[in-house]
Amino acid sequence: MSARTVRDVLLLPAAIMAVVVAALGGCGGGHGSPATDGPLSSGNGIHDPANHVEICAPGGHSWTFGLDDFTNYGHSMVILDRFVLIHPRNQRLLGAYAVPGQRVVGNVYWPPRYAGLPPGWKDRQAVRGFRLAPGKSFNLVLGLAAIAAGRRAISDGERVYYHDSSGSYAASSNSVNIIAAGPSTKNCT
């Protein structure tokens, strides 16, 4: 046998072993996508991608999108690592806060300032590092603006990345955030 053939024959078992280990999950170790079955959930503790809500605001203003709440259905503290807008188009993020409690801030001009603003707003925190105890909830409040005036701005919800003592996870909302192309919500579609 030539040197090349011997080397190929010796490498074949190692390659097969690598494929078997990967198939059995030996290479998982935190690399790749976080699990979506963690303790944090938007809604009733059940994530249903088919059940989404469209929130549309008139164009020409920056808007607060604060209708998504997340609850820790687990038995240990969760810590938020980051969040992302899902498929944003023509949108710019102005701010993002975790507001403790179950009362939502709502859909108003950014930044939110109105009589009756939920008391948790004064205790808002940056998403990264926010800690949520078991059984507690928070309202994810975003400030969004259209990048180009006169063009519809949209994102297909948010995904929150977080961890607890058992691993890293991601939880998504089903709220589509739309800023209409014009001054009326007639331009939402």
N, C-alpha and C. Protein backbone atom coordinates (compact mmCIF):
# COMPACT_ATOMS: atom_id res chain seq x y z
N MET A 1 0.84 -1.18 0.00
CA MET A 1 0.00 0.00 0.00
C MET A 1 0.88 1.24 0.00
N SER A 2 0.38 2.25 -0.67
CA SER A 2 1.11 3.51 -0.68
C SER A 2 0.89 4.23 0.65
N ALA A 3 1.72 5.21 0.95
CA ALA A 3 1.59 5.99 2.19
C ALA A 3 0.24 6.68 2.26
N ARG A 4 -0.22 7.16 1.12
CA ARG A 4 -1.51 7.86 1.10
C ARG A 4 -2.64 6.90 1.41
N THR A 5 -2.65 5.72 0.87
CA THR A 5 -3.71 4.75 1.10
C THR A 5 -3.73 4.32 2.56
N VAL A 6 -2.57 4.09 3.17
CA VAL A 6 -2.51 3.71 4.58
C VAL A 6 -3.08 4.82 5.45
N ARG A 7 -2.73 6.07 5.16
CA ARG A 7 -3.25 7.20 5.93
C ARG A 7 -4.77 7.27 5.80
N ASP A 8 -5.31 7.09 4.58
CA ASP A 8 -6.75 7.13 4.37
C ASP A 8 -7.46 6.02 5.13
N VAL A 9 -6.86 4.83 5.16
CA VAL A 9 -7.47 3.71 5.87
C VAL A 9 -7.46 3.98 7.38
N LEU A 10 -6.39 4.59 7.91
CA LEU A 10 -6.33 4.89 9.33
C LEU A 10 -7.27 6.02 9.72
N LEU A 11 -7.52 6.97 8.83
CA LEU A 11 -8.41 8.09 9.14
C LEU A 11 -9.88 7.71 9.06
N LEU A 12 -10.21 6.68 8.30
CA LEU A 12 -11.61 6.29 8.13
C LEU A 12 -12.28 5.94 9.45
N PRO A 13 -11.68 5.11 10.33
CA PRO A 13 -12.34 4.83 11.62
C PRO A 13 -12.55 6.09 12.46
N ALA A 14 -11.60 7.02 12.45
CA ALA A 14 -11.75 8.26 13.21
C ALA A 14 -12.90 9.10 12.67
N ALA A 15 -13.05 9.14 11.36
CA ALA A 15 -14.15 9.89 10.75
C ALA A 15 -15.49 9.27 11.10
N ILE A 16 -15.57 7.95 11.06
CA ILE A 16 -16.81 7.25 11.41
C ILE A 16 -17.16 7.53 12.87
N MET A 17 -16.17 7.48 13.76
CA MET A 17 -16.41 7.74 15.18
C MET A 17 -16.92 9.17 15.39
N ALA A 18 -16.38 10.14 14.69
CA ALA A 18 -16.82 11.53 14.83
C ALA A 18 -18.27 11.67 14.42
N VAL A 19 -18.67 10.99 13.35
CA VAL A 19 -20.07 11.04 12.89
C VAL A 19 -20.98 10.41 13.92
N VAL A 20 -20.58 9.27 14.49
CA VAL A 20 -21.41 8.59 15.49
C VAL A 20 -21.55 9.45 16.74
N VAL A 21 -20.46 10.05 17.22
CA VAL A 21 -20.51 10.89 18.42
C VAL A 21 -21.42 12.08 18.18
N ALA A 22 -21.33 12.71 17.01
CA ALA A 22 -22.19 13.86 16.70
C ALA A 22 -23.64 13.43 16.64
N ALA A 23 -23.92 12.29 16.06
CA ALA A 23 -25.30 11.81 15.95
C ALA A 23 -25.89 11.50 17.32
N LEU A 24 -25.06 11.05 18.25
CA LEU A 24 -25.55 10.74 19.59
C LEU A 24 -25.61 11.97 20.50
N GLY A 25 -25.20 13.11 19.98
CA GLY A 25 -25.29 14.34 20.76
C GLY A 25 -24.03 14.68 21.51
N GLY A 26 -22.96 13.98 21.29
CA GLY A 26 -21.73 14.24 22.00
C GLY A 26 -21.12 15.59 21.68
N CYS A 27 -21.48 16.19 20.57
CA CYS A 27 -20.90 17.48 20.21
C CYS A 27 -21.82 18.63 20.58
N GLY A 28 -22.95 18.36 21.22
CA GLY A 28 -23.90 19.41 21.56
C GLY A 28 -23.30 20.43 22.49
N GLY A 29 -22.91 20.04 23.66
CA GLY A 29 -22.20 20.83 24.65
C GLY A 29 -22.37 22.33 24.58
N GLY A 30 -23.56 22.86 24.28
CA GLY A 30 -23.78 24.29 24.30
C GLY A 30 -23.47 24.97 22.98
N HIS A 31 -23.01 24.26 21.99
CA HIS A 31 -22.75 24.87 20.69
C HIS A 31 -24.01 24.73 19.85
N GLY A 32 -24.34 25.64 19.02
CA GLY A 32 -25.55 25.53 18.21
C GLY A 32 -26.69 26.31 18.82
N SER A 33 -27.89 25.98 18.44
CA SER A 33 -29.08 26.72 18.85
C SER A 33 -29.52 26.36 20.26
N PRO A 34 -29.94 27.35 21.05
CA PRO A 34 -30.47 27.06 22.37
C PRO A 34 -31.81 26.34 22.25
N ALA A 35 -32.15 25.58 23.27
CA ALA A 35 -33.42 24.87 23.29
C ALA A 35 -34.57 25.87 23.41
N THR A 36 -35.70 25.53 22.84
CA THR A 36 -36.88 26.40 22.92
C THR A 36 -37.88 25.89 23.95
N ASP A 37 -37.53 24.83 24.65
CA ASP A 37 -38.46 24.24 25.62
C ASP A 37 -38.11 24.60 27.06
N GLY A 38 -37.49 25.75 27.24
CA GLY A 38 -37.11 26.20 28.57
C GLY A 38 -38.30 26.73 29.36
N PRO A 39 -38.04 27.22 30.56
CA PRO A 39 -39.10 27.63 31.46
C PRO A 39 -39.77 28.97 31.14
N LEU A 40 -39.16 29.79 30.30
CA LEU A 40 -39.71 31.12 30.00
C LEU A 40 -40.61 31.04 28.79
N SER A 41 -41.81 31.63 28.91
CA SER A 41 -42.74 31.57 27.79
C SER A 41 -43.56 32.85 27.70
N SER A 42 -43.89 33.20 26.47
CA SER A 42 -44.76 34.34 26.20
C SER A 42 -46.17 33.79 26.05
N GLY A 43 -47.10 34.30 26.80
CA GLY A 43 -48.48 33.82 26.69
C GLY A 43 -48.83 32.87 27.81
N ASN A 44 -49.50 31.80 27.46
CA ASN A 44 -50.02 30.86 28.45
C ASN A 44 -49.04 29.76 28.83
N GLY A 45 -47.77 29.97 28.57
CA GLY A 45 -46.81 28.93 28.87
C GLY A 45 -46.65 27.97 27.70
N ILE A 46 -47.40 28.22 26.64
CA ILE A 46 -47.34 27.37 25.45
C ILE A 46 -47.03 28.27 24.27
N HIS A 47 -45.98 27.96 23.54
CA HIS A 47 -45.61 28.76 22.36
C HIS A 47 -46.28 28.15 21.14
N ASP A 48 -47.13 28.90 20.49
CA ASP A 48 -47.82 28.44 19.30
C ASP A 48 -47.54 29.39 18.16
N PRO A 49 -46.56 29.08 17.29
CA PRO A 49 -46.21 29.99 16.20
C PRO A 49 -47.37 30.32 15.27
N ALA A 50 -48.36 29.46 15.19
CA ALA A 50 -49.49 29.71 14.30
C ALA A 50 -50.42 30.78 14.86
N ASN A 51 -50.37 31.01 16.16
CA ASN A 51 -51.25 31.97 16.82
C ASN A 51 -50.48 33.27 17.06
N HIS A 52 -50.53 34.20 16.11
CA HIS A 52 -49.80 35.45 16.29
C HIS A 52 -50.75 36.63 16.22
N VAL A 53 -50.26 37.75 16.73
CA VAL A 53 -51.03 38.98 16.78
C VAL A 53 -50.25 40.03 16.00
N GLU A 54 -50.94 40.82 15.20
CA GLU A 54 -50.29 41.93 14.50
C GLU A 54 -50.64 43.22 15.22
N ILE A 55 -49.61 43.96 15.60
CA ILE A 55 -49.78 45.25 16.25
C ILE A 55 -49.31 46.30 15.26
N CYS A 56 -50.24 47.15 14.82
CA CYS A 56 -49.90 48.13 13.80
C CYS A 56 -50.10 49.54 14.34
N ALA A 57 -49.10 50.38 14.14
CA ALA A 57 -49.15 51.78 14.56
C ALA A 57 -49.00 52.67 13.34
N PRO A 58 -49.62 53.84 13.34
CA PRO A 58 -49.46 54.76 12.21
C PRO A 58 -48.02 55.20 12.01
N GLY A 59 -47.64 55.48 10.79
CA GLY A 59 -46.29 55.94 10.48
C GLY A 59 -46.08 57.39 10.90
N GLY A 60 -44.83 57.83 10.88
CA GLY A 60 -44.50 59.21 11.19
C GLY A 60 -44.05 59.44 12.62
N HIS A 61 -44.07 58.40 13.47
CA HIS A 61 -43.66 58.52 14.86
C HIS A 61 -42.83 57.31 15.25
N SER A 62 -42.07 57.46 16.32
CA SER A 62 -41.43 56.32 16.97
C SER A 62 -42.46 55.72 17.91
N TRP A 63 -42.49 54.40 18.03
CA TRP A 63 -43.54 53.75 18.80
C TRP A 63 -42.99 52.82 19.86
N THR A 64 -43.76 52.71 20.94
CA THR A 64 -43.53 51.72 21.98
C THR A 64 -44.34 50.49 21.61
N PHE A 65 -43.68 49.34 21.58
CA PHE A 65 -44.37 48.07 21.42
C PHE A 65 -44.14 47.32 22.72
N GLY A 66 -45.15 47.36 23.58
CA GLY A 66 -45.02 46.78 24.91
C GLY A 66 -46.22 45.95 25.26
N LEU A 67 -46.55 44.97 24.41
CA LEU A 67 -47.71 44.12 24.67
C LEU A 67 -47.32 42.67 24.95
N ASP A 68 -46.03 42.33 24.85
CA ASP A 68 -45.60 40.96 25.09
C ASP A 68 -45.11 40.79 26.51
N ASP A 69 -45.71 39.83 27.21
CA ASP A 69 -45.22 39.51 28.54
C ASP A 69 -44.70 38.07 28.52
N PHE A 70 -43.70 37.85 29.34
CA PHE A 70 -43.07 36.54 29.47
C PHE A 70 -43.14 36.11 30.93
N THR A 71 -43.38 34.83 31.16
CA THR A 71 -43.49 34.29 32.51
C THR A 71 -42.49 33.15 32.69
N ASN A 72 -41.89 33.10 33.86
CA ASN A 72 -40.98 32.01 34.21
C ASN A 72 -41.81 30.88 34.82
N TYR A 73 -42.05 29.83 34.05
CA TYR A 73 -42.82 28.68 34.51
C TYR A 73 -41.94 27.61 35.15
N GLY A 74 -40.67 27.91 35.33
CA GLY A 74 -39.74 26.94 35.89
C GLY A 74 -39.64 27.03 37.41
N HIS A 75 -38.58 26.38 37.93
CA HIS A 75 -38.38 26.31 39.38
C HIS A 75 -37.11 27.01 39.83
N SER A 76 -36.43 27.70 38.90
CA SER A 76 -35.23 28.43 39.27
C SER A 76 -35.20 29.78 38.56
N MET A 77 -34.33 30.64 39.03
CA MET A 77 -34.17 31.98 38.48
C MET A 77 -33.69 31.88 37.02
N VAL A 78 -34.28 32.70 36.13
CA VAL A 78 -33.75 32.80 34.77
C VAL A 78 -33.08 34.17 34.63
N ILE A 79 -32.05 34.20 33.80
CA ILE A 79 -31.30 35.43 33.56
C ILE A 79 -31.31 35.69 32.05
N LEU A 80 -31.80 36.86 31.65
CA LEU A 80 -31.86 37.20 30.24
C LEU A 80 -30.46 37.56 29.73
N ASP A 81 -30.11 37.01 28.58
CA ASP A 81 -28.80 37.28 27.99
C ASP A 81 -28.89 38.34 26.90
N ARG A 82 -29.92 38.26 26.05
CA ARG A 82 -30.10 39.22 24.96
C ARG A 82 -31.42 38.93 24.29
N PHE A 83 -31.77 39.79 23.37
CA PHE A 83 -32.96 39.54 22.56
C PHE A 83 -32.67 40.04 21.15
N VAL A 84 -33.43 39.53 20.20
CA VAL A 84 -33.32 39.99 18.82
C VAL A 84 -34.73 40.17 18.25
N LEU A 85 -34.85 41.11 17.32
CA LEU A 85 -36.08 41.22 16.55
C LEU A 85 -36.04 40.11 15.51
N ILE A 86 -37.17 39.49 15.25
CA ILE A 86 -37.25 38.41 14.26
C ILE A 86 -37.58 39.02 12.91
N HIS A 87 -36.72 38.84 11.95
CA HIS A 87 -36.87 39.32 10.57
C HIS A 87 -37.27 40.79 10.49
N PRO A 88 -36.49 41.70 11.08
CA PRO A 88 -36.84 43.13 10.98
C PRO A 88 -36.61 43.64 9.56
N ARG A 89 -37.55 44.46 9.11
CA ARG A 89 -37.43 45.09 7.80
C ARG A 89 -37.81 46.56 7.95
N ASN A 90 -36.88 47.45 7.63
CA ASN A 90 -37.07 48.89 7.69
C ASN A 90 -37.34 49.37 9.13
N GLN A 91 -36.82 48.67 10.13
CA GLN A 91 -37.01 49.05 11.53
C GLN A 91 -35.69 49.29 12.23
N ARG A 92 -35.72 50.25 13.14
CA ARG A 92 -34.56 50.54 13.97
C ARG A 92 -34.99 50.46 15.42
N LEU A 93 -34.20 49.79 16.22
CA LEU A 93 -34.47 49.65 17.65
C LEU A 93 -33.95 50.88 18.38
N LEU A 94 -34.83 51.52 19.16
CA LEU A 94 -34.46 52.70 19.93
C LEU A 94 -34.17 52.36 21.39
N GLY A 95 -34.77 51.31 21.88
CA GLY A 95 -34.58 50.90 23.27
C GLY A 95 -35.30 49.60 23.54
N ALA A 96 -34.84 48.88 24.56
CA ALA A 96 -35.46 47.62 24.95
C ALA A 96 -35.34 47.45 26.45
N TYR A 97 -36.48 47.20 27.10
CA TYR A 97 -36.50 47.06 28.55
C TYR A 97 -37.33 45.87 28.98
N ALA A 98 -36.93 45.29 30.10
CA ALA A 98 -37.73 44.29 30.80
C ALA A 98 -38.41 45.04 31.94
N VAL A 99 -39.73 45.05 31.95
CA VAL A 99 -40.51 45.76 32.97
C VAL A 99 -41.17 44.72 33.87
N PRO A 100 -40.78 44.67 35.14
CA PRO A 100 -41.33 43.65 36.04
C PRO A 100 -42.86 43.75 36.16
N GLY A 101 -43.50 42.59 36.28
CA GLY A 101 -44.94 42.52 36.49
C GLY A 101 -45.70 42.07 35.26
N GLN A 102 -47.00 41.89 35.45
CA GLN A 102 -47.85 41.40 34.36
C GLN A 102 -48.60 42.50 33.63
N ARG A 103 -48.57 43.73 34.12
CA ARG A 103 -49.25 44.82 33.42
C ARG A 103 -48.39 45.27 32.25
N VAL A 104 -49.00 45.39 31.08
CA VAL A 104 -48.25 45.77 29.89
C VAL A 104 -48.28 47.28 29.70
N VAL A 105 -47.19 47.81 29.13
CA VAL A 105 -47.07 49.24 28.87
C VAL A 105 -47.96 49.62 27.69
N GLY A 106 -48.06 48.77 26.68
CA GLY A 106 -48.96 49.01 25.57
C GLY A 106 -48.27 49.51 24.32
N ASN A 107 -49.08 50.06 23.42
CA ASN A 107 -48.62 50.54 22.12
C ASN A 107 -48.91 52.03 22.04
N VAL A 108 -47.89 52.84 22.38
CA VAL A 108 -48.01 54.29 22.44
C VAL A 108 -46.75 54.91 21.83
N TYR A 109 -46.72 56.26 21.71
CA TYR A 109 -45.50 56.91 21.23
C TYR A 109 -44.32 56.55 22.14
N TRP A 110 -43.12 56.52 21.52
CA TRP A 110 -41.90 56.26 22.27
C TRP A 110 -41.25 57.58 22.67
N PRO A 111 -40.74 57.71 23.87
CA PRO A 111 -40.85 56.80 24.99
C PRO A 111 -42.22 56.94 25.65
N PRO A 112 -42.67 55.89 26.32
CA PRO A 112 -44.01 55.94 26.91
C PRO A 112 -44.10 56.95 28.05
N ARG A 113 -45.09 57.84 27.94
CA ARG A 113 -45.37 58.83 28.98
C ARG A 113 -46.87 59.05 28.97
N TYR A 114 -47.55 58.49 29.92
CA TYR A 114 -49.00 58.71 30.01
C TYR A 114 -49.47 58.43 31.42
N ALA A 115 -50.60 59.02 31.77
CA ALA A 115 -51.19 58.77 33.09
C ALA A 115 -51.58 57.30 33.15
N GLY A 116 -51.27 56.66 34.22
CA GLY A 116 -51.62 55.25 34.38
C GLY A 116 -50.56 54.29 33.85
N LEU A 117 -49.39 54.80 33.51
CA LEU A 117 -48.29 53.93 33.08
C LEU A 117 -48.06 52.90 34.19
N PRO A 118 -47.96 51.60 33.85
CA PRO A 118 -47.81 50.58 34.89
C PRO A 118 -46.69 50.92 35.87
N PRO A 119 -46.90 50.64 37.15
CA PRO A 119 -45.90 50.99 38.17
C PRO A 119 -44.55 50.31 37.92
N GLY A 120 -44.53 49.18 37.25
CA GLY A 120 -43.28 48.49 36.96
C GLY A 120 -42.35 49.27 36.05
N TRP A 121 -42.89 50.26 35.31
CA TRP A 121 -42.06 51.03 34.37
C TRP A 121 -40.91 51.72 35.11
N LYS A 122 -41.17 52.20 36.32
CA LYS A 122 -40.11 52.88 37.07
C LYS A 122 -39.00 51.91 37.47
N ASP A 123 -39.28 50.61 37.46
CA ASP A 123 -38.29 49.59 37.82
C ASP A 123 -37.74 48.87 36.58
N ARG A 124 -37.97 49.44 35.41
CA ARG A 124 -37.50 48.80 34.17
C ARG A 124 -35.99 48.61 34.20
N GLN A 125 -35.55 47.58 33.51
CA GLN A 125 -34.12 47.29 33.43
C GLN A 125 -33.76 46.92 32.00
N ALA A 126 -32.50 47.08 31.67
CA ALA A 126 -32.03 46.60 30.37
C ALA A 126 -32.29 45.10 30.29
N VAL A 127 -32.54 44.61 29.08
CA VAL A 127 -32.84 43.19 28.91
C VAL A 127 -31.67 42.34 29.40
N ARG A 128 -30.47 42.66 28.96
CA ARG A 128 -29.30 41.85 29.33
C ARG A 128 -29.07 41.91 30.84
N GLY A 129 -29.07 40.75 31.46
CA GLY A 129 -28.82 40.66 32.89
C GLY A 129 -30.06 40.69 33.76
N PHE A 130 -31.24 40.94 33.17
CA PHE A 130 -32.48 40.96 33.95
C PHE A 130 -32.71 39.57 34.54
N ARG A 131 -33.06 39.54 35.82
CA ARG A 131 -33.27 38.28 36.53
C ARG A 131 -34.76 38.14 36.84
N LEU A 132 -35.29 36.93 36.59
CA LEU A 132 -36.72 36.69 36.80
C LEU A 132 -36.90 35.42 37.64
N ALA A 133 -37.53 35.60 38.80
CA ALA A 133 -37.77 34.49 39.72
C ALA A 133 -38.87 33.57 39.19
N PRO A 134 -38.91 32.32 39.68
CA PRO A 134 -39.97 31.39 39.27
C PRO A 134 -41.35 31.96 39.56
N GLY A 135 -42.26 31.78 38.63
CA GLY A 135 -43.64 32.24 38.79
C GLY A 135 -43.84 33.72 38.51
N LYS A 136 -42.78 34.46 38.23
CA LYS A 136 -42.88 35.90 37.97
C LYS A 136 -42.91 36.18 36.48
N SER A 137 -43.38 37.39 36.14
CA SER A 137 -43.51 37.80 34.74
C SER A 137 -42.85 39.15 34.50
N PHE A 138 -42.56 39.42 33.24
CA PHE A 138 -42.10 40.75 32.84
C PHE A 138 -42.69 41.09 31.49
N ASN A 139 -42.80 42.39 31.24
CA ASN A 139 -43.28 42.93 29.97
C ASN A 139 -42.06 43.36 29.17
N LEU A 140 -41.90 42.82 27.96
CA LEU A 140 -40.80 43.23 27.08
C LEU A 140 -41.28 44.48 26.35
N VAL A 141 -40.61 45.61 26.58
CA VAL A 141 -41.02 46.89 26.01
C VAL A 141 -39.94 47.38 25.05
N LEU A 142 -40.33 47.59 23.80
CA LEU A 142 -39.41 48.01 22.76
C LEU A 142 -39.78 49.38 22.22
N GLY A 143 -38.77 50.16 21.91
CA GLY A 143 -38.96 51.41 21.17
C GLY A 143 -38.51 51.15 19.75
N LEU A 144 -39.41 51.34 18.77
CA LEU A 144 -39.09 51.07 17.37
C LEU A 144 -39.42 52.27 16.50
N ALA A 145 -38.62 52.45 15.46
CA ALA A 145 -38.86 53.52 14.49
C ALA A 145 -38.64 52.97 13.09
N ALA A 146 -39.33 53.55 12.12
CA ALA A 146 -39.10 53.19 10.73
C ALA A 146 -37.80 53.84 10.28
N ILE A 147 -37.00 53.11 9.54
CA ILE A 147 -35.73 53.65 9.03
C ILE A 147 -35.99 54.65 7.92
N ALA A 148 -36.93 54.32 7.02
CA ALA A 148 -37.25 55.20 5.89
C ALA A 148 -38.69 55.66 6.02
N ALA A 149 -38.91 56.97 6.06
CA ALA A 149 -40.26 57.53 6.16
C ALA A 149 -41.07 57.11 4.93
N GLY A 150 -42.34 56.84 5.16
CA GLY A 150 -43.23 56.50 4.06
C GLY A 150 -43.15 55.04 3.63
N ARG A 151 -42.34 54.26 4.31
CA ARG A 151 -42.24 52.82 4.03
C ARG A 151 -42.65 52.04 5.26
N ARG A 152 -43.41 51.00 5.05
CA ARG A 152 -43.85 50.15 6.16
C ARG A 152 -42.64 49.50 6.84
N ALA A 153 -42.66 49.48 8.16
CA ALA A 153 -41.60 48.85 8.96
C ALA A 153 -42.22 47.68 9.71
N ILE A 154 -41.54 46.55 9.74
CA ILE A 154 -42.12 45.36 10.34
C ILE A 154 -41.05 44.45 10.92
N SER A 155 -41.40 43.79 12.02
CA SER A 155 -40.61 42.68 12.55
C SER A 155 -41.61 41.61 12.98
N ASP A 156 -41.20 40.36 12.85
CA ASP A 156 -42.10 39.23 13.11
C ASP A 156 -42.06 38.77 14.56
N GLY A 157 -41.84 39.68 15.47
CA GLY A 157 -41.79 39.35 16.89
C GLY A 157 -40.38 39.48 17.44
N GLU A 158 -40.18 38.88 18.61
CA GLU A 158 -38.90 38.95 19.31
C GLU A 158 -38.51 37.57 19.80
N ARG A 159 -37.23 37.36 19.92
CA ARG A 159 -36.71 36.13 20.53
C ARG A 159 -35.80 36.55 21.67
N VAL A 160 -36.09 36.02 22.86
CA VAL A 160 -35.32 36.31 24.06
C VAL A 160 -34.42 35.11 24.36
N TYR A 161 -33.13 35.37 24.48
CA TYR A 161 -32.16 34.34 24.84
C TYR A 161 -31.87 34.48 26.32
N TYR A 162 -31.86 33.36 27.03
CA TYR A 162 -31.68 33.39 28.47
C TYR A 162 -31.09 32.08 28.96
N HIS A 163 -30.75 32.05 30.24
CA HIS A 163 -30.26 30.81 30.83
C HIS A 163 -30.75 30.68 32.26
N ASP A 164 -30.71 29.45 32.74
CA ASP A 164 -30.94 29.16 34.15
C ASP A 164 -29.93 28.12 34.57
N SER A 165 -30.09 27.53 35.72
CA SER A 165 -29.10 26.59 36.24
C SER A 165 -28.99 25.32 35.41
N SER A 166 -29.98 25.05 34.55
CA SER A 166 -29.94 23.80 33.77
C SER A 166 -29.53 23.99 32.31
N GLY A 167 -29.43 25.22 31.82
CA GLY A 167 -29.00 25.38 30.43
C GLY A 167 -29.37 26.72 29.83
N SER A 168 -29.15 26.81 28.53
CA SER A 168 -29.46 28.03 27.76
C SER A 168 -30.66 27.78 26.87
N TYR A 169 -31.50 28.80 26.73
CA TYR A 169 -32.76 28.65 26.01
C TYR A 169 -33.08 29.90 25.20
N ALA A 170 -34.13 29.78 24.40
CA ALA A 170 -34.68 30.92 23.66
C ALA A 170 -36.20 30.83 23.74
N ALA A 171 -36.84 31.97 23.94
CA ALA A 171 -38.30 32.05 23.95
C ALA A 171 -38.71 33.14 22.97
N SER A 172 -39.75 32.89 22.20
CA SER A 172 -40.19 33.86 21.19
C SER A 172 -41.59 34.35 21.48
N SER A 173 -41.86 35.56 21.02
CA SER A 173 -43.22 36.09 21.07
C SER A 173 -43.85 35.92 19.70
N ASN A 174 -45.13 36.03 19.64
CA ASN A 174 -45.84 35.91 18.38
C ASN A 174 -46.43 37.23 17.92
N SER A 175 -45.97 38.34 18.47
CA SER A 175 -46.50 39.64 18.10
C SER A 175 -45.71 40.24 16.95
N VAL A 176 -46.39 40.47 15.84
CA VAL A 176 -45.78 41.13 14.68
C VAL A 176 -45.88 42.62 14.92
N ASN A 177 -44.74 43.32 14.89
CA ASN A 177 -44.69 44.76 15.17
C ASN A 177 -44.62 45.52 13.86
N ILE A 178 -45.66 46.32 13.56
CA ILE A 178 -45.74 47.03 12.29
C ILE A 178 -45.88 48.53 12.53
N ILE A 179 -45.09 49.31 11.81
CA ILE A 179 -45.32 50.75 11.72
C ILE A 179 -45.75 50.98 10.28
N ALA A 180 -46.96 51.51 10.12
CA ALA A 180 -47.56 51.66 8.79
C ALA A 180 -46.75 52.60 7.90
N ALA A 181 -46.98 52.49 6.60
CA ALA A 181 -46.27 53.33 5.63
C ALA A 181 -46.73 54.78 5.68
N GLY A 182 -47.92 55.02 6.18
CA GLY A 182 -48.45 56.38 6.24
C GLY A 182 -49.03 56.69 7.60
N PRO A 183 -49.70 57.84 7.73
CA PRO A 183 -50.21 58.28 9.03
C PRO A 183 -51.46 57.54 9.51
N SER A 184 -51.88 56.53 8.78
CA SER A 184 -53.08 55.77 9.17
C SER A 184 -52.75 54.30 9.24
N THR A 185 -53.48 53.56 10.08
CA THR A 185 -53.27 52.12 10.15
C THR A 185 -53.89 51.42 8.93
N LYS A 186 -54.54 52.18 8.04
CA LYS A 186 -55.04 51.58 6.79
C LYS A 186 -53.88 51.09 5.95
N ASN A 187 -52.70 51.66 6.19
CA ASN A 187 -51.50 51.30 5.41
C ASN A 187 -50.69 50.19 6.07
N CYS A 188 -51.32 49.40 6.90
CA CYS A 188 -50.59 48.35 7.61
C CYS A 188 -50.29 47.14 6.74
N THR A 189 -51.11 46.84 5.80
CA THR A 189 -50.91 45.62 5.01
C THR A 189 -50.18 45.88 3.73
